[in-house]
């Protein structure tokens, strides 16, 4: 009987460390950023009209259910975008990031950090592409596209602005924000 109990406890405990599959994409339960282990906090699907554009996943060091916990919390954060749509043109990507920053961090819009950030996006995103927006604990923002570094900048204001694109008062997608913060 004790063996059964231990087995059940281990199954329940290990179940939280299993990958989640969403729309055919495997979301890892943990990722490593700069030697720090981040856990999948939540995820959602960015939709535009009837189209599924990408899965947005939030990874954090500590569980977060509110925007403030993510933005003001210690440790690194990662927003991962796994693209589902056949092709999102580069200019639409740049425009979407600019709109998200303008809606949630308008004071940053004319900053050199935002101009540099927007210039990093140099290609279309296609189905199965992965884009990582990493925010280090020191405020460094790094962006990779399928593992290729697009740019990196130590700019704490930009770091907060990038997080607010997804988690701010005017997020890119309200239901995706809810999902990233652990909601259903």
Protein backbone atom coordinates (compact mmCIF):
# COMPACT_ATOMS: atom_id res chain seq x y z
CA UNK A 1 0.00 0.00 0.00
CA UNK A 2 2.83 2.39 0.83
CA UNK A 3 4.48 1.64 -2.52
CA UNK A 4 1.23 2.58 -4.32
CA UNK A 5 1.03 5.84 -2.36
CA UNK A 6 4.64 6.75 -3.18
CA UNK A 7 4.07 5.90 -6.84
CA UNK A 8 0.98 8.12 -7.00
CA UNK A 9 2.79 11.00 -5.30
CA UNK A 10 5.66 10.69 -7.76
CA UNK A 11 3.29 10.60 -10.71
CA UNK A 12 1.45 13.71 -9.55
CA UNK A 13 4.70 15.52 -8.81
CA UNK A 14 6.37 14.54 -12.10
CA UNK A 15 3.21 15.35 -14.09
CA UNK A 16 3.83 19.04 -13.51
CA UNK A 17 7.22 18.69 -15.21
CA UNK A 18 5.88 17.17 -18.43
CA UNK A 19 5.79 19.08 -21.67
CA UNK A 20 2.44 20.47 -22.76
CA UNK A 21 1.32 20.14 -26.36
CA UNK A 22 -0.71 23.00 -27.81
CA UNK A 23 -1.83 23.11 -31.45
CA UNK A 24 0.83 20.53 -32.30
CA UNK A 25 3.65 22.46 -30.59
CA UNK A 26 5.44 21.02 -27.58
CA UNK A 27 5.90 23.62 -24.82
CA UNK A 28 8.74 22.66 -22.53
CA UNK A 29 7.97 22.81 -18.80
CA UNK A 30 11.33 24.52 -18.13
CA UNK A 31 13.93 26.50 -20.06
CA UNK A 32 17.40 27.73 -19.19
CA UNK A 33 18.23 31.43 -19.61
CA UNK A 34 21.71 32.54 -18.60
CA UNK A 35 22.09 29.62 -16.22
CA UNK A 36 18.73 30.33 -14.59
CA UNK A 37 15.88 27.80 -14.74
CA UNK A 38 12.54 29.29 -15.72
CA UNK A 39 9.24 27.44 -15.49
CA UNK A 40 6.32 27.60 -17.88
CA UNK A 41 3.98 30.06 -16.19
CA UNK A 42 1.24 29.90 -18.81
CA UNK A 43 0.43 30.22 -22.49
CA UNK A 44 -2.22 31.38 -24.92
CA UNK A 45 -2.84 31.54 -28.64
CA UNK A 46 -2.63 34.90 -30.40
CA UNK A 47 -5.54 35.11 -32.78
CA UNK A 48 -6.35 37.62 -35.45
CA UNK A 49 -9.91 37.29 -36.75
CA UNK A 50 -10.29 33.53 -37.24
CA UNK A 51 -6.60 32.79 -37.68
CA UNK A 52 -4.24 31.35 -35.09
CA UNK A 53 -1.02 33.34 -35.45
CA UNK A 54 1.25 31.99 -32.69
CA UNK A 55 1.36 30.40 -29.27
CA UNK A 56 2.66 32.86 -26.70
CA UNK A 57 4.31 31.25 -23.67
CA UNK A 58 5.58 32.97 -20.55
CA UNK A 59 8.43 31.47 -18.53
CA UNK A 60 9.31 32.87 -15.10
CA UNK A 61 11.46 31.97 -12.11
CA UNK A 62 8.50 32.30 -9.72
CA UNK A 63 4.84 31.55 -10.45
CA UNK A 64 2.99 34.75 -11.38
CA UNK A 65 -0.74 35.39 -11.71
CA UNK A 66 -0.59 39.19 -12.02
CA UNK A 67 1.26 41.51 -14.36
CA UNK A 68 3.05 43.25 -11.48
CA UNK A 69 4.52 39.96 -10.30
CA UNK A 70 6.12 39.45 -13.71
CA UNK A 71 7.23 43.02 -14.42
CA UNK A 72 8.49 43.83 -10.92
CA UNK A 73 9.57 40.31 -9.95
CA UNK A 74 13.16 39.25 -9.63
CA UNK A 75 14.76 36.85 -12.03
CA UNK A 76 14.71 36.48 -15.76
CA UNK A 77 11.60 36.09 -17.90
CA UNK A 78 11.04 34.66 -21.34
CA UNK A 79 8.22 35.23 -23.78
CA UNK A 80 8.30 32.56 -26.46
CA UNK A 81 6.33 32.80 -29.68
CA UNK A 82 5.82 29.58 -31.65
CA UNK A 83 4.32 30.52 -35.00
CA UNK A 84 1.32 28.62 -36.35
CA UNK A 85 0.38 30.86 -39.27
CA UNK A 86 1.93 30.26 -42.69
CA UNK A 87 3.64 33.66 -42.95
CA UNK A 88 3.70 36.92 -40.99
CA UNK A 89 5.50 39.62 -42.94
CA UNK A 90 8.38 41.49 -41.36
CA UNK A 91 6.63 44.88 -41.54
CA UNK A 92 3.54 43.51 -39.79
CA UNK A 93 5.79 42.16 -37.04
CA UNK A 94 7.50 45.52 -36.56
CA UNK A 95 4.15 47.34 -36.64
CA UNK A 96 2.65 44.95 -34.06
CA UNK A 97 5.56 45.43 -31.65
CA UNK A 98 5.44 49.22 -32.15
CA UNK A 99 1.69 49.24 -31.50
CA UNK A 100 2.10 47.14 -28.35
CA UNK A 101 4.80 49.45 -27.04
CA UNK A 102 2.78 52.58 -27.92
CA UNK A 103 -0.32 51.18 -26.20
CA UNK A 104 1.43 50.17 -22.98
CA UNK A 105 4.63 52.24 -22.74
CA UNK A 106 4.11 55.39 -24.85
CA UNK A 107 6.92 57.21 -23.05
CA UNK A 108 9.42 54.81 -24.64
CA UNK A 109 8.38 55.26 -28.26
CA UNK A 110 11.05 57.78 -29.27
CA UNK A 111 13.84 56.13 -27.30
CA UNK A 112 16.93 54.74 -28.98
CA UNK A 113 16.30 51.41 -27.22
CA UNK A 114 12.90 50.98 -28.88
CA UNK A 115 14.22 52.07 -32.27
CA UNK A 116 17.02 49.52 -31.99
CA UNK A 117 14.59 46.79 -30.81
CA UNK A 118 12.28 47.36 -33.78
CA UNK A 119 15.23 47.27 -36.19
CA UNK A 120 16.23 43.77 -35.06
CA UNK A 121 13.33 42.14 -36.89
CA UNK A 122 14.78 41.52 -40.32
CA UNK A 123 12.73 38.66 -41.75
CA UNK A 124 9.22 37.28 -42.06
CA UNK A 125 8.08 34.72 -39.50
CA UNK A 126 6.69 31.51 -40.92
CA UNK A 127 4.91 28.46 -39.53
CA UNK A 128 7.10 26.53 -37.04
CA UNK A 129 9.39 29.52 -36.40
CA UNK A 130 10.27 30.21 -32.77
CA UNK A 131 10.98 33.72 -31.50
CA UNK A 132 12.27 34.20 -27.96
CA UNK A 133 12.09 37.54 -26.17
CA UNK A 134 14.35 37.07 -23.16
CA UNK A 135 14.42 39.61 -20.34
CA UNK A 136 17.35 39.08 -17.98
CA UNK A 137 17.22 40.08 -14.33
CA UNK A 138 19.55 43.02 -15.07
CA UNK A 139 17.17 44.47 -17.71
CA UNK A 140 18.93 43.09 -20.77
CA UNK A 141 16.55 42.25 -23.60
CA UNK A 142 17.67 39.62 -26.12
CA UNK A 143 15.71 38.41 -29.11
CA UNK A 144 16.35 35.21 -31.05
CA UNK A 145 14.63 33.86 -34.16
CA UNK A 146 15.03 30.08 -34.48
CA UNK A 147 18.07 30.31 -32.21
CA UNK A 148 19.74 33.13 -34.19
CA UNK A 149 20.42 36.24 -32.10
CA UNK A 150 18.65 39.23 -33.64
CA UNK A 151 19.79 41.74 -31.04
CA UNK A 152 20.48 42.42 -27.40
CA UNK A 153 20.41 45.57 -25.31
CA UNK A 154 20.72 46.39 -21.64
CA UNK A 155 17.74 48.71 -21.32
CA UNK A 156 15.52 48.15 -18.25
CA UNK A 157 12.81 50.47 -19.63
CA UNK A 158 12.65 48.44 -22.82
CA UNK A 159 12.58 45.22 -20.79
CA UNK A 160 9.49 46.39 -18.94
CA UNK A 161 7.94 47.66 -22.19
CA UNK A 162 8.43 44.31 -23.93
CA UNK A 163 6.71 42.47 -21.08
CA UNK A 164 3.84 44.97 -21.11
CA UNK A 165 3.18 44.33 -24.83
CA UNK A 166 1.77 41.00 -23.67
CA UNK A 167 0.80 41.68 -20.07
CA UNK A 168 -0.06 45.39 -19.92
CA UNK A 169 -3.42 47.14 -19.67
CA UNK A 170 -3.78 47.00 -23.47
CA UNK A 171 -2.19 43.64 -24.34
CA UNK A 172 -1.78 42.29 -27.84
CA UNK A 173 -4.46 39.70 -26.98
CA UNK A 174 -6.46 39.71 -23.73
CA UNK A 175 -7.11 35.95 -23.67
CA UNK A 176 -3.43 35.24 -24.37
CA UNK A 177 -2.50 37.51 -21.44
CA UNK A 178 -4.88 35.55 -19.22
CA UNK A 179 -3.32 32.29 -20.34
CA UNK A 180 0.24 33.53 -19.84
CA UNK A 181 -0.69 34.48 -16.30
CA UNK A 182 -1.87 30.95 -15.63
CA UNK A 183 -5.57 31.45 -16.40
CA UNK A 184 -7.58 29.05 -18.48
